[in-house]
Amino acid sequence: MLPAVAVATLVAGVLTACSEPVDDGDLTLRLWDPQVAEAYRASLADFETAHGIHVDVVVVPWADYWTQLRADLGAGAGDDVFWVNAANFQDYARAGVIAPVPADEVAARQADWAPAAIAQYTLDGRLWGVPQITDPGIGLLYNADLLAAAGLGPADVAGLDWDPAAPDDELRETARALTLDADGRHPGEPGFDPARLRQYGFGAANDLNGVLLQFLAGNGAAWQEGDEFVFASEPGVGALGYVADLITTEHVAPNAADTNPPTGGDFVRDQFLQGRVALFPTGAYNLANVAEGADFAWGIAPLPSGPAGAVSVTNSVVAAANARSDDPDGQRLLLEWLGSADGQRAIGDSGVALPAVLSAQSGYAGSWAARGVDVAPLLEVLGNGTIQPPQGARYADAAAAMESALNDVFLGRRDPESGLRAAQDAANAARGG
């Protein structure tokens, strides 16, 4: 680590005013999304023309991203600029390894930056990264071919409701109609074999961003209040117990042994692409993968609605300045570019993500419309309000501490009330709460 005075001096110099181009070497930009990386490369060719600085875009897969980033930063290395999310930025900010965006830069740019991104990454009155992408809400991707085979259409999965307190509901009924075992039987029919499923009606899983947060919000519960984990409340147990029942009791979703973290994160998406999942709750971050990999007709339906409505999470990602960059002037120019419409327009126009620069967003919906996909459900759900996204210092430690107990709930090894309480207690203890 640099001495505190040296870190503070370097931090103060990042993104300060300077108009002279820098041409004394390459810079590096690290992120986890290969689709956005391609859009960045298109944009950064113009940056290199303007400033004479080449930027190497480094893609580290999500599964390894945080472990590798922590190791590199701990060794005094790391890229000049790198993506961070809300669950991790506080740790890096308080360790002094990323630099805040100076107040004058925020003042000059904030009118064109997504307010949700600014709010999410403001800590102690300072913004800790340049907003890059901001998610629309979560929706329900459907395989139109599987719907048609079950005698259903897109209208039949638009606005499904669910209720943990009810004996049955539209979501469960529809999921059963879309689930088949190896012999073509549905759940509830004589001879149905849940151990030999060939088609899953609904992609229920221990997926925080795509599933759990929305079910919590739909039942009037929360994942966190501030930094404290509160998901083991009565409505939280009802919501997550409902998700677990879709797997273990209703048998309309993949086995949690395949979908639980840390290894199961892409299982439902991959099964959807293989035509084995009919309804896939997810966000805009998976649209490019589906558009590229699906060989069937598909679309987006609105998020299913619980007793408290259809309430989604929205998350943003920022580009953070490595406080130990050996080219702070070039780094500043790169961050200025990444925070501009010119720097982000290729992201929106390609449809791979919704830019956090408002003036660069116009091409996003049009890009998907040109491919026959209406993304309106992902945008409109945010009008219902949002649930607080994951946040807080030592979040990674908390997530690791809760993982085993939470996984056991979805495997059916622990009842939801005791399992969620154990997971919540472990998470709060790990974060120091």
Protein backbone atom coordinates (compact mmCIF):
# COMPACT_ATOMS: atom_id res chain seq x y z
CA MET A 1 0.00 0.00 0.00
CA LEU A 2 1.07 3.57 -0.63
CA PRO A 3 1.32 5.83 2.40
CA ALA A 4 -1.95 7.59 3.12
CA VAL A 5 -0.56 10.97 2.08
CA ALA A 6 0.61 9.58 -1.25
CA VAL A 7 -2.75 7.95 -1.90
CA ALA A 8 -4.58 11.16 -1.06
CA THR A 9 -2.34 13.15 -3.37
CA LEU A 10 -2.89 10.75 -6.23
CA VAL A 11 -6.62 10.61 -5.61
CA ALA A 12 -6.84 14.37 -5.72
CA GLY A 13 -5.15 14.39 -9.10
CA VAL A 14 -7.51 11.96 -10.83
CA LEU A 15 -9.99 13.60 -13.19
CA THR A 16 -8.74 17.13 -12.44
CA ALA A 17 -8.92 19.66 -15.25
CA CYS A 18 -6.35 19.23 -18.02
CA SER A 19 -6.77 19.64 -21.77
CA GLU A 20 -3.42 18.40 -23.05
CA PRO A 21 -3.45 14.96 -24.72
CA VAL A 22 -1.27 12.27 -23.25
CA ASP A 23 0.61 9.84 -25.50
CA ASP A 24 3.10 8.14 -23.24
CA GLY A 25 1.72 4.61 -23.22
CA ASP A 26 -1.24 2.28 -23.09
CA LEU A 27 -3.99 2.22 -20.49
CA THR A 28 -6.03 -0.78 -19.39
CA LEU A 29 -9.75 -1.07 -18.67
CA ARG A 30 -11.06 -4.16 -16.86
CA LEU A 31 -14.63 -5.44 -16.83
CA TRP A 32 -16.52 -8.73 -16.69
CA ASP A 33 -18.95 -8.46 -19.62
CA PRO A 34 -17.56 -9.53 -23.02
CA GLN A 35 -20.51 -8.00 -24.88
CA VAL A 36 -19.94 -4.56 -23.39
CA ALA A 37 -16.21 -5.03 -23.96
CA GLU A 38 -16.83 -5.22 -27.71
CA ALA A 39 -18.87 -2.01 -27.58
CA TYR A 40 -16.09 -0.34 -25.61
CA ARG A 41 -13.53 -1.35 -28.22
CA ALA A 42 -15.55 0.42 -30.91
CA SER A 43 -15.75 3.55 -28.78
CA LEU A 44 -12.13 3.48 -27.66
CA ALA A 45 -10.86 3.50 -31.24
CA ASP A 46 -12.22 7.06 -31.40
CA PHE A 47 -10.63 7.84 -28.04
CA GLU A 48 -7.26 6.71 -29.35
CA THR A 49 -7.65 8.89 -32.44
CA ALA A 50 -8.49 11.89 -30.27
CA HIS A 51 -5.82 11.46 -27.60
CA GLY A 52 -3.16 9.16 -28.97
CA ILE A 53 -3.69 6.69 -26.14
CA HIS A 54 -4.41 3.04 -26.78
CA VAL A 55 -6.67 1.30 -24.25
CA ASP A 56 -6.46 -2.47 -23.77
CA VAL A 57 -9.83 -3.85 -22.73
CA VAL A 58 -9.34 -6.73 -20.29
CA VAL A 59 -12.25 -9.15 -19.74
CA VAL A 60 -12.17 -11.25 -16.57
CA PRO A 61 -15.19 -13.60 -16.24
CA TRP A 62 -17.59 -12.81 -13.42
CA ALA A 63 -16.80 -16.08 -11.62
CA ASP A 64 -13.18 -14.95 -11.15
CA TYR A 65 -13.55 -11.19 -11.30
CA TRP A 66 -13.57 -10.17 -7.65
CA THR A 67 -11.01 -12.72 -6.50
CA GLN A 68 -8.61 -11.65 -9.24
CA LEU A 69 -9.23 -7.95 -8.72
CA ARG A 70 -8.63 -8.18 -4.99
CA ALA A 71 -5.42 -10.12 -5.55
CA ASP A 72 -4.15 -7.66 -8.15
CA LEU A 73 -4.97 -4.59 -6.10
CA GLY A 74 -3.45 -6.17 -3.00
CA ALA A 75 -0.24 -6.69 -4.94
CA GLY A 76 -0.16 -3.05 -5.95
CA ALA A 77 -1.12 -3.84 -9.53
CA GLY A 78 -4.48 -3.80 -11.25
CA ASP A 79 -5.74 -1.92 -14.28
CA ASP A 80 -5.89 1.85 -14.62
CA VAL A 81 -9.69 1.76 -14.68
CA PHE A 82 -11.95 -1.12 -13.70
CA TRP A 83 -15.62 -1.85 -13.21
CA VAL A 84 -17.00 -2.13 -9.68
CA ASN A 85 -20.49 -2.91 -8.48
CA ALA A 86 -22.44 -1.66 -5.49
CA ALA A 87 -21.71 -4.73 -3.39
CA ASN A 88 -17.96 -4.13 -3.50
CA PHE A 89 -17.14 -0.47 -4.05
CA GLN A 90 -17.31 0.57 -0.40
CA ASP A 91 -14.50 -1.80 0.54
CA TYR A 92 -12.26 -0.41 -2.20
CA ALA A 93 -13.16 3.18 -1.39
CA ARG A 94 -12.40 2.83 2.31
CA ALA A 95 -9.18 0.99 1.58
CA GLY A 96 -8.01 3.94 -0.49
CA VAL A 97 -7.39 1.94 -3.64
CA ILE A 98 -9.96 3.72 -5.83
CA ALA A 99 -10.29 7.44 -6.33
CA PRO A 100 -13.50 9.43 -6.01
CA VAL A 101 -14.75 11.54 -8.87
CA PRO A 102 -13.93 15.17 -7.97
CA ALA A 103 -16.91 17.31 -7.03
CA ASP A 104 -16.44 19.68 -9.95
CA GLU A 105 -16.56 16.79 -12.42
CA VAL A 106 -19.75 15.49 -10.81
CA ALA A 107 -21.30 18.94 -10.93
CA ALA A 108 -20.45 19.30 -14.61
CA ARG A 109 -21.73 15.85 -15.65
CA GLN A 110 -24.44 14.77 -13.22
CA ALA A 111 -27.32 16.17 -15.25
CA ASP A 112 -26.45 13.61 -17.95
CA TRP A 113 -25.72 10.70 -15.60
CA ALA A 114 -28.46 8.34 -14.42
CA PRO A 115 -29.61 9.55 -10.97
CA ALA A 116 -29.89 5.95 -9.71
CA ALA A 117 -26.22 5.36 -10.51
CA ILE A 118 -25.12 8.51 -8.72
CA ALA A 119 -27.18 7.63 -5.66
CA GLN A 120 -25.95 4.05 -5.56
CA TYR A 121 -22.25 4.95 -5.65
CA THR A 122 -22.24 7.99 -3.40
CA LEU A 123 -20.52 7.37 -0.07
CA ASP A 124 -19.57 9.98 2.51
CA GLY A 125 -20.70 12.69 0.13
CA ARG A 126 -18.45 11.58 -2.75
CA LEU A 127 -19.07 9.65 -5.95
CA TRP A 128 -16.77 6.65 -6.30
CA GLY A 129 -16.84 5.95 -10.00
CA VAL A 130 -18.01 7.21 -13.37
CA PRO A 131 -21.45 5.71 -14.20
CA GLN A 132 -21.25 3.22 -17.09
CA ILE A 133 -24.35 1.08 -17.37
CA THR A 134 -27.64 1.09 -15.50
CA ASP A 135 -29.99 -1.82 -15.63
CA PRO A 136 -33.60 -1.65 -16.65
CA GLY A 137 -35.71 -3.82 -14.39
CA ILE A 138 -36.20 -7.57 -14.34
CA GLY A 139 -38.70 -9.22 -16.68
CA LEU A 140 -39.80 -12.67 -17.77
CA LEU A 141 -38.21 -14.04 -20.94
CA TYR A 142 -40.38 -16.66 -22.60
CA ASN A 143 -39.80 -19.35 -25.20
CA ALA A 144 -42.68 -18.78 -27.60
CA ASP A 145 -42.33 -22.24 -29.13
CA LEU A 146 -42.72 -23.96 -25.76
CA LEU A 147 -45.71 -21.76 -24.95
CA ALA A 148 -47.38 -22.68 -28.23
CA ALA A 149 -46.77 -26.38 -27.65
CA ALA A 150 -48.65 -26.04 -24.34
CA GLY A 151 -51.53 -24.18 -25.98
CA LEU A 152 -50.41 -20.84 -24.54
CA GLY A 153 -49.29 -17.54 -25.99
CA PRO A 154 -47.47 -14.41 -24.81
CA ALA A 155 -50.70 -12.94 -23.44
CA ASP A 156 -51.04 -15.91 -21.10
CA VAL A 157 -47.76 -15.10 -19.35
CA ALA A 158 -48.19 -11.32 -19.26
CA GLY A 159 -48.92 -10.15 -15.74
CA LEU A 160 -48.92 -13.50 -13.93
CA ASP A 161 -49.66 -13.25 -10.22
CA TRP A 162 -48.30 -15.25 -7.29
CA ASP A 163 -49.13 -15.42 -3.59
CA PRO A 164 -47.40 -17.52 -0.91
CA ALA A 165 -50.53 -17.44 1.25
CA ALA A 166 -52.82 -18.78 -1.47
CA PRO A 167 -53.32 -22.50 -2.16
CA ASP A 168 -52.59 -21.86 -5.84
CA ASP A 169 -51.99 -18.98 -8.24
CA GLU A 170 -51.41 -18.14 -11.89
CA LEU A 171 -47.66 -18.52 -11.76
CA ARG A 172 -47.80 -22.01 -10.30
CA GLU A 173 -50.57 -23.10 -12.66
CA THR A 174 -48.73 -21.81 -15.71
CA ALA A 175 -45.40 -23.26 -14.61
CA ARG A 176 -46.99 -26.70 -14.15
CA ALA A 177 -48.53 -26.50 -17.62
CA LEU A 178 -45.08 -25.79 -19.05
CA THR A 179 -43.20 -28.49 -17.10
CA LEU A 180 -42.73 -31.99 -18.54
CA ASP A 181 -41.00 -35.10 -17.31
CA ALA A 182 -39.21 -37.54 -19.61
CA ASP A 183 -42.52 -39.20 -20.53
CA GLY A 184 -44.37 -35.94 -21.22
CA ARG A 185 -46.30 -35.79 -17.95
CA HIS A 186 -47.01 -32.60 -16.03
CA PRO A 187 -46.67 -32.10 -12.25
CA GLY A 188 -49.76 -33.44 -10.55
CA GLU A 189 -50.53 -36.02 -13.24
CA PRO A 190 -50.37 -39.73 -12.38
CA GLY A 191 -46.90 -41.15 -12.90
CA PHE A 192 -45.16 -37.76 -13.06
CA ASP A 193 -41.47 -38.27 -12.24
CA PRO A 194 -39.78 -35.12 -10.83
CA ALA A 195 -36.39 -36.83 -10.99
CA ARG A 196 -36.58 -37.03 -14.79
CA LEU A 197 -37.59 -33.57 -15.97
CA ARG A 198 -36.98 -32.73 -19.62
CA GLN A 199 -38.58 -29.27 -19.57
CA TYR A 200 -38.85 -26.73 -16.77
CA GLY A 201 -41.76 -24.33 -16.59
CA PHE A 202 -40.05 -21.59 -14.60
CA GLY A 203 -36.42 -20.70 -13.91
CA ALA A 204 -36.64 -20.47 -10.12
CA ALA A 205 -33.19 -20.48 -8.54
CA ASN A 206 -31.03 -19.01 -5.80
CA ASP A 207 -30.32 -16.07 -8.11
CA LEU A 208 -30.21 -12.86 -6.11
CA ASN A 209 -30.51 -10.33 -8.90
CA GLY A 210 -32.81 -12.20 -11.24
CA VAL A 211 -35.12 -13.96 -8.79
CA LEU A 212 -34.78 -13.41 -5.05
CA LEU A 213 -34.92 -9.62 -4.89
CA GLN A 214 -38.06 -9.48 -7.03
CA PHE A 215 -39.90 -12.10 -4.97
CA LEU A 216 -38.93 -10.34 -1.76
CA ALA A 217 -40.17 -7.01 -3.07
CA GLY A 218 -43.34 -8.59 -4.45
CA ASN A 219 -44.23 -9.81 -0.97
CA GLY A 220 -43.40 -6.53 0.75
CA ALA A 221 -40.00 -7.66 2.07
CA ALA A 222 -36.41 -6.47 1.59
CA TRP A 223 -32.97 -7.99 1.25
CA GLN A 224 -31.29 -5.22 3.21
CA GLU A 225 -32.18 -2.05 5.05
CA GLY A 226 -29.10 0.09 4.68
CA ASP A 227 -26.25 -2.35 5.20
CA GLU A 228 -28.20 -4.70 7.51
CA PHE A 229 -29.59 -7.94 6.10
CA VAL A 230 -33.31 -8.30 6.86
CA PHE A 231 -34.55 -11.00 4.46
CA ALA A 232 -35.57 -13.40 7.26
CA SER A 233 -38.62 -11.30 8.12
CA GLU A 234 -42.05 -12.94 7.99
CA PRO A 235 -42.81 -11.68 4.45
CA GLY A 236 -39.24 -12.52 3.44
CA VAL A 237 -39.62 -16.12 4.60
CA GLY A 238 -42.92 -16.30 2.72
CA ALA A 239 -41.37 -14.98 -0.49
CA LEU A 240 -38.20 -17.07 -0.52
CA GLY A 241 -40.03 -20.11 0.79
CA TYR A 242 -42.31 -19.76 -2.24
CA VAL A 243 -39.29 -19.77 -4.57
CA ALA A 244 -37.88 -22.83 -2.81
CA ASP A 245 -41.24 -24.61 -3.13
CA LEU A 246 -41.23 -24.05 -6.89
CA ILE A 247 -38.08 -26.18 -6.92
CA THR A 248 -38.66 -28.77 -4.21
CA THR A 249 -42.45 -29.15 -3.98
CA GLU A 250 -43.95 -27.96 -7.26
CA HIS A 251 -41.09 -29.46 -9.30
CA VAL A 252 -41.40 -26.80 -12.01
CA ALA A 253 -37.78 -25.58 -11.85
CA PRO A 254 -34.28 -27.06 -12.11
CA ASN A 255 -32.79 -28.82 -9.11
CA ALA A 256 -30.94 -26.41 -6.82
CA ALA A 257 -27.93 -28.72 -6.94
CA ASP A 258 -27.48 -27.41 -10.50
CA THR A 259 -28.36 -23.75 -9.89
CA ASN A 260 -27.03 -22.88 -6.44
CA PRO A 261 -23.98 -20.63 -6.15
CA PRO A 262 -21.08 -20.55 -6.45
CA THR A 263 -21.12 -22.72 -9.60
CA GLY A 264 -24.70 -22.61 -10.84
CA GLY A 265 -25.08 -19.00 -11.88
CA ASP A 266 -25.57 -19.57 -15.62
CA PHE A 267 -27.39 -22.90 -15.48
CA VAL A 268 -30.92 -21.54 -15.97
CA ARG A 269 -29.82 -19.23 -18.77
CA ASP A 270 -28.06 -22.10 -20.54
CA GLN A 271 -31.10 -24.35 -20.14
CA PHE A 272 -33.29 -21.58 -21.56
CA LEU A 273 -31.00 -21.33 -24.57
CA GLN A 274 -31.22 -25.11 -25.03
CA GLY A 275 -35.02 -24.90 -25.12
CA ARG A 276 -35.52 -26.58 -21.76
CA VAL A 277 -36.81 -23.63 -19.69
CA ALA A 278 -40.04 -21.96 -20.77
CA LEU A 279 -40.03 -18.89 -18.49
CA PHE A 280 -36.74 -17.27 -17.48
CA PRO A 281 -36.78 -14.37 -14.99
CA THR A 282 -33.79 -12.17 -15.77
CA GLY A 283 -32.65 -8.72 -16.77
CA ALA A 284 -31.22 -6.82 -19.70
CA TYR A 285 -27.76 -8.18 -18.91
CA ASN A 286 -28.78 -11.50 -20.51
CA LEU A 287 -30.53 -10.21 -23.62
CA ALA A 288 -27.45 -10.20 -25.85
CA ASN A 289 -26.64 -13.78 -24.82
CA VAL A 290 -30.17 -14.90 -25.60
CA ALA A 291 -30.33 -13.04 -28.90
CA GLU A 292 -27.11 -14.67 -29.99
CA GLY A 293 -27.77 -18.17 -28.70
CA ALA A 294 -31.51 -18.82 -29.02
CA ASP A 295 -32.71 -20.72 -32.10
CA PHE A 296 -36.40 -20.29 -31.16
CA ALA A 297 -38.88 -17.43 -31.04
CA TRP A 298 -38.73 -15.56 -27.74
CA GLY A 299 -39.90 -12.36 -26.10
CA ILE A 300 -40.18 -10.48 -22.81
CA ALA A 301 -43.23 -10.51 -20.56
CA PRO A 302 -43.78 -8.32 -17.51
CA LEU A 303 -42.43 -9.40 -14.14
CA PRO A 304 -44.93 -11.57 -12.24
CA SER A 305 -46.80 -9.69 -9.54
CA GLY A 306 -46.90 -10.68 -5.88
CA PRO A 307 -49.19 -9.40 -3.11
CA ALA A 308 -47.21 -6.14 -3.02
CA GLY A 309 -47.10 -5.83 -6.81
CA ALA A 310 -44.40 -6.28 -9.43
CA VAL A 311 -41.36 -4.55 -7.96
CA SER A 312 -37.91 -4.94 -9.46
CA VAL A 313 -34.34 -4.18 -8.56
CA THR A 314 -32.22 -1.90 -10.71
CA ASN A 315 -28.45 -1.84 -10.51
CA SER A 316 -25.75 0.31 -12.01
CA VAL A 317 -22.06 -0.26 -12.66
CA VAL A 318 -19.32 2.37 -12.52
CA ALA A 319 -15.79 2.65 -13.85
CA ALA A 320 -13.46 3.26 -10.91
CA ALA A 321 -10.07 4.94 -11.00
CA ASN A 322 -7.22 2.85 -9.64
CA ALA A 323 -5.58 5.22 -7.16
CA ARG A 324 -2.20 3.67 -7.95
CA SER A 325 -2.27 4.16 -11.71
CA ASP A 326 1.10 5.21 -13.07
CA ASP A 327 -0.61 7.44 -15.67
CA PRO A 328 -3.13 9.59 -13.80
CA ASP A 329 -3.42 12.12 -16.64
CA GLY A 330 -4.24 9.44 -19.20
CA GLN A 331 -6.52 7.79 -16.69
CA ARG A 332 -8.40 11.08 -16.22
CA LEU A 333 -8.89 11.46 -19.97
CA LEU A 334 -10.16 7.89 -20.24
CA LEU A 335 -12.67 8.38 -17.44
CA GLU A 336 -13.88 11.62 -18.98
CA TRP A 337 -14.44 9.74 -22.24
CA LEU A 338 -16.21 6.84 -20.52
CA GLY A 339 -18.53 9.29 -18.80
CA SER A 340 -19.54 11.01 -22.05
CA ALA A 341 -22.21 10.30 -24.65
CA ASP A 342 -19.48 9.64 -27.23
CA GLY A 343 -17.90 7.11 -24.90
CA GLN A 344 -21.13 5.19 -24.26
CA ARG A 345 -23.20 5.56 -27.42
CA ALA A 346 -21.85 2.30 -28.87
CA ILE A 347 -23.11 0.45 -25.78
CA GLY A 348 -26.67 1.65 -26.24
CA ASP A 349 -26.71 1.40 -30.02
CA SER A 350 -25.53 -2.21 -29.87
CA GLY A 351 -28.22 -3.08 -27.31
CA VAL A 352 -25.79 -4.90 -25.02
CA ALA A 353 -26.65 -2.67 -22.04
CA LEU A 354 -28.44 0.55 -21.16
CA PRO A 355 -25.87 3.35 -20.87
CA ALA A 356 -25.75 5.33 -17.64
CA VAL A 357 -25.20 8.47 -19.72
CA LEU A 358 -28.74 9.61 -20.40
CA SER A 359 -27.97 11.23 -23.75
CA ALA A 360 -26.51 7.92 -24.99
CA GLN A 361 -29.61 5.85 -24.17
CA SER A 362 -31.77 6.66 -27.19
CA GLY A 363 -30.43 3.84 -29.34
CA TYR A 364 -31.04 1.08 -26.81
CA ALA A 365 -34.75 0.35 -27.30
CA GLY A 366 -34.41 0.97 -31.03
CA SER A 367 -31.62 -1.57 -31.30
CA TRP A 368 -33.82 -4.26 -29.78
CA ALA A 369 -36.90 -3.21 -31.73
CA ALA A 370 -34.91 -3.69 -34.93
CA ARG A 371 -34.38 -7.29 -33.84
CA GLY A 372 -38.06 -7.78 -33.08
CA VAL A 373 -37.71 -7.58 -29.29
CA ASP A 374 -39.81 -5.18 -27.22
CA VAL A 375 -37.85 -4.22 -24.09
CA ALA A 376 -40.67 -2.05 -22.71
CA PRO A 377 -41.51 -4.49 -19.85
CA LEU A 378 -37.99 -4.07 -18.47
CA LEU A 379 -38.30 -0.30 -18.48
CA GLU A 380 -41.93 0.05 -17.40
CA VAL A 381 -41.59 -2.09 -14.26
CA LEU A 382 -39.37 0.57 -12.70
CA GLY A 383 -42.42 2.84 -12.55
CA ASN A 384 -43.72 0.61 -9.73
CA GLY A 385 -40.80 1.52 -7.47
CA THR A 386 -37.69 -0.50 -6.76
CA ILE A 387 -36.16 -2.65 -4.03
CA GLN A 388 -32.84 -1.59 -2.53
CA PRO A 389 -30.01 -3.40 -4.35
CA PRO A 390 -27.21 -5.19 -2.47
CA GLN A 391 -24.73 -2.84 -0.84
CA GLY A 392 -22.38 -2.30 2.05
CA ALA A 393 -18.90 -2.74 3.39
CA ARG A 394 -17.64 -6.33 3.58
CA TYR A 395 -20.53 -7.46 1.41
CA ALA A 396 -18.45 -10.22 -0.19
CA ASP A 397 -17.67 -11.62 3.27
CA ALA A 398 -21.36 -11.52 4.18
CA ALA A 399 -22.36 -13.26 0.95
CA ALA A 400 -19.84 -16.03 1.57
CA ALA A 401 -21.02 -16.48 5.14
CA MET A 402 -24.68 -16.90 4.23
CA GLU A 403 -24.16 -19.12 1.19
CA SER A 404 -24.34 -22.55 2.80
CA ALA A 405 -27.53 -21.97 4.81
CA LEU A 406 -29.23 -20.21 1.91
CA ASN A 407 -28.31 -22.99 -0.49
CA ASP A 408 -29.75 -25.55 1.91
CA VAL A 409 -33.13 -23.79 1.80
CA PHE A 410 -33.33 -24.19 -1.97
CA LEU A 411 -32.11 -27.77 -1.79
CA GLY A 412 -34.91 -28.54 0.66
CA ARG A 413 -32.47 -29.51 3.40
CA ARG A 414 -33.62 -26.73 5.76
CA ASP A 415 -37.01 -25.20 6.27
CA PRO A 416 -37.17 -21.59 5.05
CA GLU A 417 -37.67 -19.97 8.45
CA SER A 418 -34.67 -21.53 10.23
CA GLY A 419 -32.48 -21.56 7.12
CA LEU A 420 -33.06 -17.92 6.27
CA ARG A 421 -32.58 -16.88 9.88
CA ALA A 422 -29.26 -18.73 10.00
CA ALA A 423 -28.20 -17.16 6.70
CA GLN A 424 -29.18 -13.67 7.83
CA ASP A 425 -27.41 -14.00 11.18
CA ALA A 426 -24.24 -15.28 9.50
CA ALA A 427 -24.30 -12.44 6.98
CA ASN A 428 -24.76 -9.72 9.59
CA ALA A 429 -22.06 -11.22 11.78
CA ALA A 430 -19.62 -11.32 8.85
CA ARG A 431 -20.20 -7.67 7.97
CA GLY A 432 -19.60 -6.72 11.59
CA GLY A 433 -23.22 -5.89 12.35
